[in-house]
């Protein structure tokens, strides 16, 4: 099976926890980079990213981004593996303010 490098997700986070990246059935996703941007000029946003293993949800990151701040999370080697039984979820303080871009590869 081959891996295809691609954009895995590009969205604005909601104020309540929701899916950020949920690979299709029979697919393994390898996340290499997550870029998170607070698009508000002044207000800080608390951003929470979680890993849901199909049964339990675990907080991976809890970040506070000031206005117009951008952070990049990089996962070396194989990357952060998210298989079809798991997914990334997340939220930010205010809906539609925080932009998330996830890149990596998928094997199906």
PDB file of N, CA and C in Angstrom:
ATOM      1  N   UNK A   1       0.833  -1.181   0.000  1.00  0.00           N
ATOM      2  CA  UNK A   1       0.000   0.000   0.000  1.00  0.00           C
ATOM      3  C   UNK A   1       0.876   1.242   0.000  1.00  0.00           C
ATOM      4  N   UNK A   2       0.456   2.231  -0.728  1.00  0.00           N
ATOM      5  CA  UNK A   2       1.242   3.458  -0.856  1.00  0.00           C
ATOM      6  C   UNK A   2       0.643   4.577  -0.015  1.00  0.00           C
ATOM      7  N   UNK A   3       1.509   5.480   0.368  1.00  0.00           N
ATOM      8  CA  UNK A   3       1.074   6.670   1.090  1.00  0.00           C
ATOM      9  C   UNK A   3       0.931   7.819   0.109  1.00  0.00           C
ATOM     10  N   UNK A   4      -0.113   8.608   0.271  1.00  0.00           N
ATOM     11  CA  UNK A   4      -0.333   9.800  -0.546  1.00  0.00           C
ATOM     12  C   UNK A   4      -0.238  11.021   0.361  1.00  0.00           C
ATOM     13  N   UNK A   5       0.730  11.917   0.062  1.00  0.00           N
ATOM     14  CA  UNK A   5       0.878  13.143   0.834  1.00  0.00           C
ATOM     15  C   UNK A   5      -0.209  14.118   0.418  1.00  0.00           C
ATOM     16  N   UNK A   6      -0.852  14.756   1.415  1.00  0.00           N
ATOM     17  CA  UNK A   6      -1.979  15.621   1.095  1.00  0.00           C
ATOM     18  C   UNK A   6      -2.366  16.514   2.259  1.00  0.00           C
ATOM     19  N   UNK A   7      -3.276  17.431   1.977  1.00  0.00           N
ATOM     20  CA  UNK A   7      -3.919  18.224   3.024  1.00  0.00           C
ATOM     21  C   UNK A   7      -4.948  17.304   3.659  1.00  0.00           C
ATOM     22  N   UNK A   8      -4.846  17.097   4.965  1.00  0.00           N
ATOM     23  CA  UNK A   8      -5.763  16.209   5.662  1.00  0.00           C
ATOM     24  C   UNK A   8      -6.973  16.950   6.217  1.00  0.00           C
ATOM     25  N   UNK A   9      -6.798  18.215   6.562  1.00  0.00           N
ATOM     26  CA  UNK A   9      -7.912  19.003   7.099  1.00  0.00           C
ATOM     27  C   UNK A   9      -7.586  20.485   6.978  1.00  0.00           C
ATOM     28  N   UNK A  10      -8.619  21.273   6.772  1.00  0.00           N
ATOM     29  CA  UNK A  10      -8.505  22.740   6.756  1.00  0.00           C
ATOM     30  C   UNK A  10      -9.856  23.274   7.190  1.00  0.00           C
ATOM     31  N   UNK A  11      -9.913  23.868   8.392  1.00  0.00           N
ATOM     32  CA  UNK A  11     -11.194  24.266   8.958  1.00  0.00           C
ATOM     33  C   UNK A  11     -11.028  25.351  10.013  1.00  0.00           C
ATOM     34  N   UNK A  12     -12.158  25.896  10.446  1.00  0.00           N
ATOM     35  CA  UNK A  12     -12.209  26.800  11.590  1.00  0.00           C
ATOM     36  C   UNK A  12     -12.804  26.012  12.753  1.00  0.00           C
ATOM     37  N   UNK A  13     -12.159  26.108  13.902  1.00  0.00           N
ATOM     38  CA  UNK A  13     -12.646  25.384  15.075  1.00  0.00           C
ATOM     39  C   UNK A  13     -13.925  26.008  15.614  1.00  0.00           C
ATOM     40  N   UNK A  14     -14.762  25.170  16.174  1.00  0.00           N
ATOM     41  CA  UNK A  14     -15.958  25.633  16.847  1.00  0.00           C
ATOM     42  C   UNK A  14     -15.676  25.906  18.317  1.00  0.00           C
ATOM     43  N   UNK A  15     -16.646  26.469  19.005  1.00  0.00           N
ATOM     44  CA  UNK A  15     -16.475  26.745  20.427  1.00  0.00           C
ATOM     45  C   UNK A  15     -16.772  25.514  21.285  1.00  0.00           C
ATOM     46  N   UNK A  16     -17.354  24.491  20.697  1.00  0.00           N
ATOM     47  CA  UNK A  16     -17.530  23.223  21.398  1.00  0.00           C
ATOM     48  C   UNK A  16     -16.729  22.154  20.661  1.00  0.00           C
ATOM     49  N   UNK A  17     -16.386  21.112  21.362  1.00  0.00           N
ATOM     50  CA  UNK A  17     -15.525  20.069  20.807  1.00  0.00           C
ATOM     51  C   UNK A  17     -16.159  19.423  19.570  1.00  0.00           C
ATOM     52  N   UNK A  18     -15.382  19.343  18.489  1.00  0.00           N
ATOM     53  CA  UNK A  18     -15.851  18.729  17.249  1.00  0.00           C
ATOM     54  C   UNK A  18     -14.714  18.048  16.523  1.00  0.00           C
ATOM     55  N   UNK A  19     -15.052  17.281  15.496  1.00  0.00           N
ATOM     56  CA  UNK A  19     -14.044  16.563  14.720  1.00  0.00           C
ATOM     57  C   UNK A  19     -13.138  17.533  13.967  1.00  0.00           C
ATOM     58  N   UNK A  20     -11.846  17.265  14.015  1.00  0.00           N
ATOM     59  CA  UNK A  20     -10.848  18.037  13.267  1.00  0.00           C
ATOM     60  C   UNK A  20     -10.304  17.175  12.128  1.00  0.00           C
ATOM     61  N   UNK A  21      -9.923  15.947  12.432  1.00  0.00           N
ATOM     62  CA  UNK A  21      -9.476  15.000  11.399  1.00  0.00           C
ATOM     63  C   UNK A  21      -9.950  13.611  11.780  1.00  0.00           C
ATOM     64  N   UNK A  22     -10.756  13.020  10.921  1.00  0.00           N
ATOM     65  CA  UNK A  22     -11.310  11.688  11.125  1.00  0.00           C
ATOM     66  C   UNK A  22     -11.071  10.897   9.841  1.00  0.00           C
ATOM     67  N   UNK A  23     -10.033  10.048   9.800  1.00  0.00           N
ATOM     68  CA  UNK A  23      -9.704   9.343   8.561  1.00  0.00           C
ATOM     69  C   UNK A  23     -10.850   8.428   8.095  1.00  0.00           C
ATOM     70  N   UNK A  24     -10.958   8.243   6.785  1.00  0.00           N
ATOM     71  CA  UNK A  24     -11.966   7.326   6.259  1.00  0.00           C
ATOM     72  C   UNK A  24     -11.707   5.880   6.721  1.00  0.00           C
ATOM     73  N   UNK A  25     -12.710   5.032   6.563  1.00  0.00           N
ATOM     74  CA  UNK A  25     -12.576   3.615   6.914  1.00  0.00           C
ATOM     75  C   UNK A  25     -11.393   2.991   6.177  1.00  0.00           C
ATOM     76  N   UNK A  26     -10.723   2.064   6.822  1.00  0.00           N
ATOM     77  CA  UNK A  26      -9.574   1.327   6.257  1.00  0.00           C
ATOM     78  C   UNK A  26      -8.413   2.239   5.872  1.00  0.00           C
ATOM     79  N   UNK A  27      -8.269   3.378   6.557  1.00  0.00           N
ATOM     80  CA  UNK A  27      -7.216   4.349   6.232  1.00  0.00           C
ATOM     81  C   UNK A  27      -6.411   4.676   7.481  1.00  0.00           C
ATOM     82  N   UNK A  28      -5.086   4.771   7.307  1.00  0.00           N
ATOM     83  CA  UNK A  28      -4.198   5.257   8.359  1.00  0.00           C
ATOM     84  C   UNK A  28      -3.709   6.635   7.958  1.00  0.00           C
ATOM     85  N   UNK A  29      -3.922   7.618   8.798  1.00  0.00           N
ATOM     86  CA  UNK A  29      -3.409   8.955   8.552  1.00  0.00           C
ATOM     87  C   UNK A  29      -2.152   9.197   9.359  1.00  0.00           C
ATOM     88  N   UNK A  30      -1.159   9.795   8.733  1.00  0.00           N
ATOM     89  CA  UNK A  30       0.075  10.187   9.406  1.00  0.00           C
ATOM     90  C   UNK A  30       0.172  11.703   9.340  1.00  0.00           C
ATOM     91  N   UNK A  31      -0.027  12.354  10.470  1.00  0.00           N
ATOM     92  CA  UNK A  31       0.004  13.813  10.528  1.00  0.00           C
ATOM     93  C   UNK A  31       1.444  14.266  10.696  1.00  0.00           C
ATOM     94  N   UNK A  32       1.885  15.165   9.801  1.00  0.00           N
ATOM     95  CA  UNK A  32       3.247  15.689   9.868  1.00  0.00           C
ATOM     96  C   UNK A  32       3.284  17.118  10.411  1.00  0.00           C
ATOM     97  N   UNK A  33       2.283  17.931  10.060  1.00  0.00           N
ATOM     98  CA  UNK A  33       2.240  19.328  10.508  1.00  0.00           C
ATOM     99  C   UNK A  33       0.814  19.745  10.820  1.00  0.00           C
ATOM    100  N   UNK A  34       0.671  20.503  11.899  1.00  0.00           N
ATOM    101  CA  UNK A  34      -0.592  21.160  12.213  1.00  0.00           C
ATOM    102  C   UNK A  34      -0.275  22.637  12.395  1.00  0.00           C
ATOM    103  N   UNK A  35      -0.907  23.481  11.590  1.00  0.00           N
ATOM    104  CA  UNK A  35      -0.758  24.928  11.721  1.00  0.00           C
ATOM    105  C   UNK A  35      -2.045  25.458  12.335  1.00  0.00           C
ATOM    106  N   UNK A  36      -1.907  26.245  13.399  1.00  0.00           N
ATOM    107  CA  UNK A  36      -3.055  26.811  14.100  1.00  0.00           C
ATOM    108  C   UNK A  36      -2.890  28.324  14.128  1.00  0.00           C
ATOM    109  N   UNK A  37      -3.918  29.044  13.675  1.00  0.00           N
ATOM    110  CA  UNK A  37      -3.840  30.509  13.587  1.00  0.00           C
ATOM    111  C   UNK A  37      -5.057  31.149  14.245  1.00  0.00           C
ATOM    112  N   UNK A  38      -4.802  32.095  15.136  1.00  0.00           N
ATOM    113  CA  UNK A  38      -5.858  32.908  15.732  1.00  0.00           C
ATOM    114  C   UNK A  38      -6.077  34.106  14.814  1.00  0.00           C
ATOM    115  N   UNK A  39      -7.177  34.137  14.107  1.00  0.00           N
ATOM    116  CA  UNK A  39      -7.418  35.205  13.125  1.00  0.00           C
ATOM    117  C   UNK A  39      -7.987  36.477  13.737  1.00  0.00           C
ATOM    118  N   UNK A  40      -8.266  36.477  15.039  1.00  0.00           N
ATOM    119  CA  UNK A  40      -8.792  37.684  15.687  1.00  0.00           C
ATOM    120  C   UNK A  40      -7.648  38.659  15.958  1.00  0.00           C
ATOM    121  N   UNK A  41      -7.897  39.928  15.742  1.00  0.00           N
ATOM    122  CA  UNK A  41      -6.839  40.943  15.889  1.00  0.00           C
ATOM    123  C   UNK A  41      -6.413  41.162  17.335  1.00  0.00           C
ATOM    124  N   UNK A  42      -7.331  41.022  18.288  1.00  0.00           N
ATOM    125  CA  UNK A  42      -6.991  41.387  19.660  1.00  0.00           C
ATOM    126  C   UNK A  42      -7.216  40.279  20.684  1.00  0.00           C
ATOM    127  N   UNK A  43      -8.288  39.525  20.551  1.00  0.00           N
ATOM    128  CA  UNK A  43      -8.653  38.561  21.587  1.00  0.00           C
ATOM    129  C   UNK A  43      -7.833  37.278  21.520  1.00  0.00           C
ATOM    130  N   UNK A  44      -7.375  36.823  22.679  1.00  0.00           N
ATOM    131  CA  UNK A  44      -6.688  35.542  22.771  1.00  0.00           C
ATOM    132  C   UNK A  44      -7.704  34.410  22.637  1.00  0.00           C
ATOM    133  N   UNK A  45      -7.240  33.277  22.121  1.00  0.00           N
ATOM    134  CA  UNK A  45      -8.073  32.093  21.976  1.00  0.00           C
ATOM    135  C   UNK A  45      -7.380  30.916  22.661  1.00  0.00           C
ATOM    136  N   UNK A  46      -8.129  30.192  23.475  1.00  0.00           N
ATOM    137  CA  UNK A  46      -7.622  28.945  24.041  1.00  0.00           C
ATOM    138  C   UNK A  46      -8.017  27.832  23.078  1.00  0.00           C
ATOM    139  N   UNK A  47      -7.027  27.113  22.603  1.00  0.00           N
ATOM    140  CA  UNK A  47      -7.233  26.053  21.626  1.00  0.00           C
ATOM    141  C   UNK A  47      -6.914  24.724  22.285  1.00  0.00           C
ATOM    142  N   UNK A  48      -7.840  23.784  22.152  1.00  0.00           N
ATOM    143  CA  UNK A  48      -7.644  22.449  22.714  1.00  0.00           C
ATOM    144  C   UNK A  48      -7.752  21.435  21.586  1.00  0.00           C
ATOM    145  N   UNK A  49      -6.728  20.590  21.458  1.00  0.00           N
ATOM    146  CA  UNK A  49      -6.743  19.478  20.505  1.00  0.00           C
ATOM    147  C   UNK A  49      -6.688  18.177  21.289  1.00  0.00           C
ATOM    148  N   UNK A  50      -7.548  17.233  20.908  1.00  0.00           N
ATOM    149  CA  UNK A  50      -7.665  15.955  21.596  1.00  0.00           C
ATOM    150  C   UNK A  50      -7.459  14.801  20.625  1.00  0.00           C
ATOM    151  N   UNK A  51      -7.034  13.669  21.177  1.00  0.00           N
ATOM    152  CA  UNK A  51      -6.945  12.421  20.423  1.00  0.00           C
ATOM    153  C   UNK A  51      -8.013  11.502  20.979  1.00  0.00           C
ATOM    154  N   UNK A  52      -8.926  11.071  20.120  1.00  0.00           N
ATOM    155  CA  UNK A  52      -9.995  10.156  20.508  1.00  0.00           C
ATOM    156  C   UNK A  52      -9.647   8.784  19.944  1.00  0.00           C
ATOM    157  N   UNK A  53      -9.458   7.793  20.820  1.00  0.00           N
ATOM    158  CA  UNK A  53      -9.011   6.467  20.373  1.00  0.00           C
ATOM    159  C   UNK A  53     -10.158   5.523  20.023  1.00  0.00           C
ATOM    160  N   UNK A  54     -11.369   6.038  19.930  1.00  0.00           N
ATOM    161  CA  UNK A  54     -12.534   5.213  19.645  1.00  0.00           C
ATOM    162  C   UNK A  54     -13.342   4.929  20.893  1.00  0.00           C
ATOM    163  N   UNK A  55     -12.684   5.032  22.054  1.00  0.00           N
ATOM    164  CA  UNK A  55     -13.356   4.818  23.337  1.00  0.00           C
ATOM    165  C   UNK A  55     -13.183   6.019  24.251  1.00  0.00           C
ATOM    166  N   UNK A  56     -11.940   6.473  24.380  1.00  0.00           N
ATOM    167  CA  UNK A  56     -11.618   7.575  25.288  1.00  0.00           C
ATOM    168  C   UNK A  56     -11.031   8.747  24.517  1.00  0.00           C
ATOM    169  N   UNK A  57     -11.182   9.922  25.086  1.00  0.00           N
ATOM    170  CA  UNK A  57     -10.614  11.134  24.483  1.00  0.00           C
ATOM    171  C   UNK A  57      -9.533  11.674  25.414  1.00  0.00           C
ATOM    172  N   UNK A  58      -8.378  11.973  24.839  1.00  0.00           N
ATOM    173  CA  UNK A  58      -7.218  12.421  25.599  1.00  0.00           C
ATOM    174  C   UNK A  58      -6.771  13.783  25.087  1.00  0.00           C
ATOM    175  N   UNK A  59      -6.568  14.722  25.991  1.00  0.00           N
ATOM    176  CA  UNK A  59      -6.101  16.048  25.592  1.00  0.00           C
ATOM    177  C   UNK A  59      -4.626  15.971  25.209  1.00  0.00           C
ATOM    178  N   UNK A  60      -4.320  16.426  23.984  1.00  0.00           N
ATOM    179  CA  UNK A  60      -2.937  16.456  23.500  1.00  0.00           C
ATOM    180  C   UNK A  60      -2.308  17.830  23.684  1.00  0.00           C
ATOM    181  N   UNK A  61      -3.062  18.875  23.336  1.00  0.00           N
ATOM    182  CA  UNK A  61      -2.550  20.247  23.388  1.00  0.00           C
ATOM    183  C   UNK A  61      -3.608  21.163  23.958  1.00  0.00           C
ATOM    184  N   UNK A  62      -3.150  22.101  24.788  1.00  0.00           N
ATOM    185  CA  UNK A  62      -3.986  23.163  25.318  1.00  0.00           C
ATOM    186  C   UNK A  62      -3.150  24.434  25.178  1.00  0.00           C
ATOM    187  N   UNK A  63      -3.458  25.230  24.154  1.00  0.00           N
ATOM    188  CA  UNK A  63      -2.642  26.392  23.797  1.00  0.00           C
ATOM    189  C   UNK A  63      -3.440  27.674  23.951  1.00  0.00           C
ATOM    190  N   UNK A  64      -2.777  28.740  24.342  1.00  0.00           N
ATOM    191  CA  UNK A  64      -3.385  30.066  24.326  1.00  0.00           C
ATOM    192  C   UNK A  64      -2.654  30.876  23.272  1.00  0.00           C
ATOM    193  N   UNK A  65      -3.394  31.291  22.241  1.00  0.00           N
ATOM    194  CA  UNK A  65      -2.825  32.080  21.150  1.00  0.00           C
ATOM    195  C   UNK A  65      -3.316  33.515  21.283  1.00  0.00           C
ATOM    196  N   UNK A  66      -2.387  34.460  21.314  1.00  0.00           N
ATOM    197  CA  UNK A  66      -2.771  35.869  21.335  1.00  0.00           C
ATOM    198  C   UNK A  66      -3.279  36.263  19.949  1.00  0.00           C
ATOM    199  N   UNK A  67      -3.833  37.461  19.826  1.00  0.00           N
ATOM    200  CA  UNK A  67      -4.364  37.920  18.548  1.00  0.00           C
ATOM    201  C   UNK A  67      -3.346  37.821  17.424  1.00  0.00           C
ATOM    202  N   UNK A  68      -3.762  37.243  16.297  1.00  0.00           N
ATOM    203  CA  UNK A  68      -2.970  37.067  15.076  1.00  0.00           C
ATOM    204  C   UNK A  68      -1.765  36.140  15.232  1.00  0.00           C
ATOM    205  N   UNK A  69      -1.707  35.381  16.323  1.00  0.00           N
ATOM    206  CA  UNK A  69      -0.586  34.455  16.526  1.00  0.00           C
ATOM    207  C   UNK A  69      -0.819  33.154  15.751  1.00  0.00           C
ATOM    208  N   UNK A  70       0.282  32.589  15.259  1.00  0.00           N
ATOM    209  CA  UNK A  70       0.263  31.308  14.560  1.00  0.00           C
ATOM    210  C   UNK A  70       1.289  30.382  15.203  1.00  0.00           C
ATOM    211  N   UNK A  71       0.912  29.120  15.382  1.00  0.00           N
ATOM    212  CA  UNK A  71       1.857  28.112  15.858  1.00  0.00           C
ATOM    213  C   UNK A  71       1.848  26.945  14.884  1.00  0.00           C
ATOM    214  N   UNK A  72       2.976  26.256  14.817  1.00  0.00           N
ATOM    215  CA  UNK A  72       3.080  25.062  13.986  1.00  0.00           C
ATOM    216  C   UNK A  72       3.545  23.916  14.862  1.00  0.00           C
ATOM    217  N   UNK A  73       2.787  22.829  14.840  1.00  0.00           N
ATOM    218  CA  UNK A  73       3.155  21.607  15.533  1.00  0.00           C
ATOM    219  C   UNK A  73       3.699  20.644  14.484  1.00  0.00           C
ATOM    220  N   UNK A  74       4.897  20.140  14.704  1.00  0.00           N
ATOM    221  CA  UNK A  74       5.538  19.257  13.737  1.00  0.00           C
ATOM    222  C   UNK A  74       5.796  17.903  14.384  1.00  0.00           C
ATOM    223  N   UNK A  75       5.470  16.849  13.652  1.00  0.00           N
ATOM    224  CA  UNK A  75       5.653  15.485  14.133  1.00  0.00           C
ATOM    225  C   UNK A  75       6.671  14.802  13.227  1.00  0.00           C
ATOM    226  N   UNK A  76       7.821  14.469  13.784  1.00  0.00           N
ATOM    227  CA  UNK A  76       8.936  13.905  13.013  1.00  0.00           C
ATOM    228  C   UNK A  76       8.699  12.446  12.655  1.00  0.00           C
ATOM    229  N   UNK A  77       9.579  11.945  11.816  1.00  0.00           N
ATOM    230  CA  UNK A  77       9.593  10.548  11.371  1.00  0.00           C
ATOM    231  C   UNK A  77       8.250  10.166  10.760  1.00  0.00           C
ATOM    232  N   UNK A  78       7.590   9.144  11.287  1.00  0.00           N
ATOM    233  CA  UNK A  78       6.323   8.693  10.700  1.00  0.00           C
ATOM    234  C   UNK A  78       5.197   9.691  10.911  1.00  0.00           C
ATOM    235  N   UNK A  79       5.299  10.519  11.925  1.00  0.00           N
ATOM    236  CA  UNK A  79       4.243  11.476  12.232  1.00  0.00           C
ATOM    237  C   UNK A  79       3.327  10.952  13.321  1.00  0.00           C
ATOM    238  N   UNK A  80       2.280  11.688  13.581  1.00  0.00           N
ATOM    239  CA  UNK A  80       1.257  11.303  14.552  1.00  0.00           C
ATOM    240  C   UNK A  80       0.250  10.424  13.827  1.00  0.00           C
ATOM    241  N   UNK A  81       0.169   9.136  14.199  1.00  0.00           N
ATOM    242  CA  UNK A  81      -0.699   8.198  13.498  1.00  0.00           C
ATOM    243  C   UNK A  81      -2.123   8.286  14.037  1.00  0.00           C
ATOM    244  N   UNK A  82      -3.065   8.454  13.099  1.00  0.00           N
ATOM    245  CA  UNK A  82      -4.485   8.449  13.420  1.00  0.00           C
ATOM    246  C   UNK A  82      -5.128   7.439  12.480  1.00  0.00           C
ATOM    247  N   UNK A  83      -5.562   6.300  13.037  1.00  0.00           N
ATOM    248  CA  UNK A  83      -6.143   5.269  12.183  1.00  0.00           C
ATOM    249  C   UNK A  83      -7.662   5.439  12.091  1.00  0.00           C
ATOM    250  N   UNK A  84      -8.300   4.542  11.358  1.00  0.00           N
ATOM    251  CA  UNK A  84      -9.738   4.656  11.111  1.00  0.00           C
ATOM    252  C   UNK A  84     -10.564   4.522  12.386  1.00  0.00           C
ATOM    253  N   UNK A  85     -10.003   3.928  13.442  1.00  0.00           N
ATOM    254  CA  UNK A  85     -10.720   3.784  14.701  1.00  0.00           C
ATOM    255  C   UNK A  85     -10.545   4.994  15.612  1.00  0.00           C
ATOM    256  N   UNK A  86      -9.718   5.950  15.220  1.00  0.00           N
ATOM    257  CA  UNK A  86      -9.452   7.110  16.055  1.00  0.00           C
ATOM    258  C   UNK A  86      -9.643   8.400  15.255  1.00  0.00           C
ATOM    259  N   UNK A  87      -9.521   9.542  15.949  1.00  0.00           N
ATOM    260  CA  UNK A  87      -9.668  10.832  15.283  1.00  0.00           C
ATOM    261  C   UNK A  87      -9.104  11.924  16.178  1.00  0.00           C
ATOM    262  N   UNK A  88      -8.873  13.097  15.570  1.00  0.00           N
ATOM    263  CA  UNK A  88      -8.524  14.300  16.325  1.00  0.00           C
ATOM    264  C   UNK A  88      -9.775  15.147  16.458  1.00  0.00           C
ATOM    265  N   UNK A  89      -9.973  15.707  17.642  1.00  0.00           N
ATOM    266  CA  UNK A  89     -11.077  16.625  17.874  1.00  0.00           C
ATOM    267  C   UNK A  89     -10.501  17.906  18.462  1.00  0.00           C
ATOM    268  N   UNK A  90     -11.298  18.963  18.494  1.00  0.00           N
ATOM    269  CA  UNK A  90     -10.789  20.195  19.066  1.00  0.00           C
ATOM    270  C   UNK A  90     -11.828  21.280  19.188  1.00  0.00           C
ATOM    271  N   UNK A  91     -11.412  22.354  19.857  1.00  0.00           N
ATOM    272  CA  UNK A  91     -12.267  23.527  20.050  1.00  0.00           C
ATOM    273  C   UNK A  91     -11.397  24.735  20.344  1.00  0.00           C
ATOM    274  N   UNK A  92     -12.002  25.915  20.248  1.00  0.00           N
ATOM    275  CA  UNK A  92     -11.331  27.140  20.672  1.00  0.00           C
ATOM    276  C   UNK A  92     -12.337  27.993  21.438  1.00  0.00           C
ATOM    277  N   UNK A  93     -11.862  29.045  22.049  1.00  0.00           N
ATOM    278  CA  UNK A  93     -12.716  29.885  22.890  1.00  0.00           C
ATOM    279  C   UNK A  93     -13.951  30.360  22.133  1.00  0.00           C
ATOM    280  N   UNK A  94     -13.750  30.935  20.966  1.00  0.00           N
ATOM    281  CA  UNK A  94     -14.846  31.461  20.156  1.00  0.00           C
ATOM    282  C   UNK A  94     -14.930  30.691  18.845  1.00  0.00           C
ATOM    283  N   UNK A  95     -16.145  30.438  18.392  1.00  0.00           N
ATOM    284  CA  UNK A  95     -16.345  29.718  17.127  1.00  0.00           C
ATOM    285  C   UNK A  95     -15.881  30.558  15.942  1.00  0.00           C
ATOM    286  N   UNK A  96     -15.356  29.883  14.936  1.00  0.00           N
ATOM    287  CA  UNK A  96     -14.995  30.466  13.637  1.00  0.00           C
ATOM    288  C   UNK A  96     -13.884  31.515  13.695  1.00  0.00           C
ATOM    289  N   UNK A  97     -13.063  31.489  14.727  1.00  0.00           N
ATOM    290  CA  UNK A  97     -11.945  32.434  14.846  1.00  0.00           C
ATOM    291  C   UNK A  97     -10.609  31.731  14.566  1.00  0.00           C
ATOM    292  N   UNK A  98     -10.456  30.522  15.068  1.00  0.00           N
ATOM    293  CA  UNK A  98      -9.195  29.798  14.968  1.00  0.00           C
ATOM    294  C   UNK A  98      -9.189  28.888  13.756  1.00  0.00           C
ATOM    295  N   UNK A  99      -8.163  29.058  12.893  1.00  0.00           N
ATOM    296  CA  UNK A  99      -8.022  28.276  11.668  1.00  0.00           C
ATOM    297  C   UNK A  99      -6.998  27.169  11.906  1.00  0.00           C
ATOM    298  N   UNK A 100      -7.329  25.967  11.423  1.00  0.00           N
ATOM    299  CA  UNK A 100      -6.434  24.807  11.564  1.00  0.00           C
ATOM    300  C   UNK A 100      -6.194  24.200  10.188  1.00  0.00           C
ATOM    301  N   UNK A 101      -4.917  23.965   9.877  1.00  0.00           N
ATOM    302  CA  UNK A 101      -4.529  23.287   8.641  1.00  0.00           C
ATOM    303  C   UNK A 101      -3.676  22.091   9.042  1.00  0.00           C
ATOM    304  N   UNK A 102      -4.055  20.892   8.586  1.00  0.00           N
ATOM    305  CA  UNK A 102      -3.317  19.675   8.904  1.00  0.00           C
ATOM    306  C   UNK A 102      -2.830  19.058   7.602  1.00  0.00           C
ATOM    307  N   UNK A 103      -1.528  18.760   7.550  1.00  0.00           N
ATOM    308  CA  UNK A 103      -0.964  18.099   6.376  1.00  0.00           C
ATOM    309  C   UNK A 103      -0.252  16.831   6.818  1.00  0.00           C
ATOM    310  N   UNK A 104      -0.181  15.885   5.906  1.00  0.00           N
ATOM    311  CA  UNK A 104       0.465  14.612   6.193  1.00  0.00           C
ATOM    312  C   UNK A 104       0.243  13.658   5.046  1.00  0.00           C
ATOM    313  N   UNK A 105       0.082  12.396   5.372  1.00  0.00           N
ATOM    314  CA  UNK A 105      -0.138  11.398   4.346  1.00  0.00           C
ATOM    315  C   UNK A 105      -1.149  10.377   4.836  1.00  0.00           C
ATOM    316  N   UNK A 106      -1.775   9.685   3.871  1.00  0.00           N
ATOM    317  CA  UNK A 106      -2.739   8.643   4.196  1.00  0.00           C
ATOM    318  C   UNK A 106      -2.392   7.374   3.440  1.00  0.00           C
ATOM    319  N   UNK A 107      -2.574   6.244   4.118  1.00  0.00           N
ATOM    320  CA  UNK A 107      -2.429   4.933   3.502  1.00  0.00           C
ATOM    321  C   UNK A 107      -3.796   4.275   3.520  1.00  0.00           C
ATOM    322  N   UNK A 108      -4.237   3.832   2.359  1.00  0.00           N
ATOM    323  CA  UNK A 108      -5.536   3.146   2.329  1.00  0.00           C
ATOM    324  C   UNK A 108      -5.429   1.845   1.576  1.00  0.00           C
TER     325      UNK A 108
END
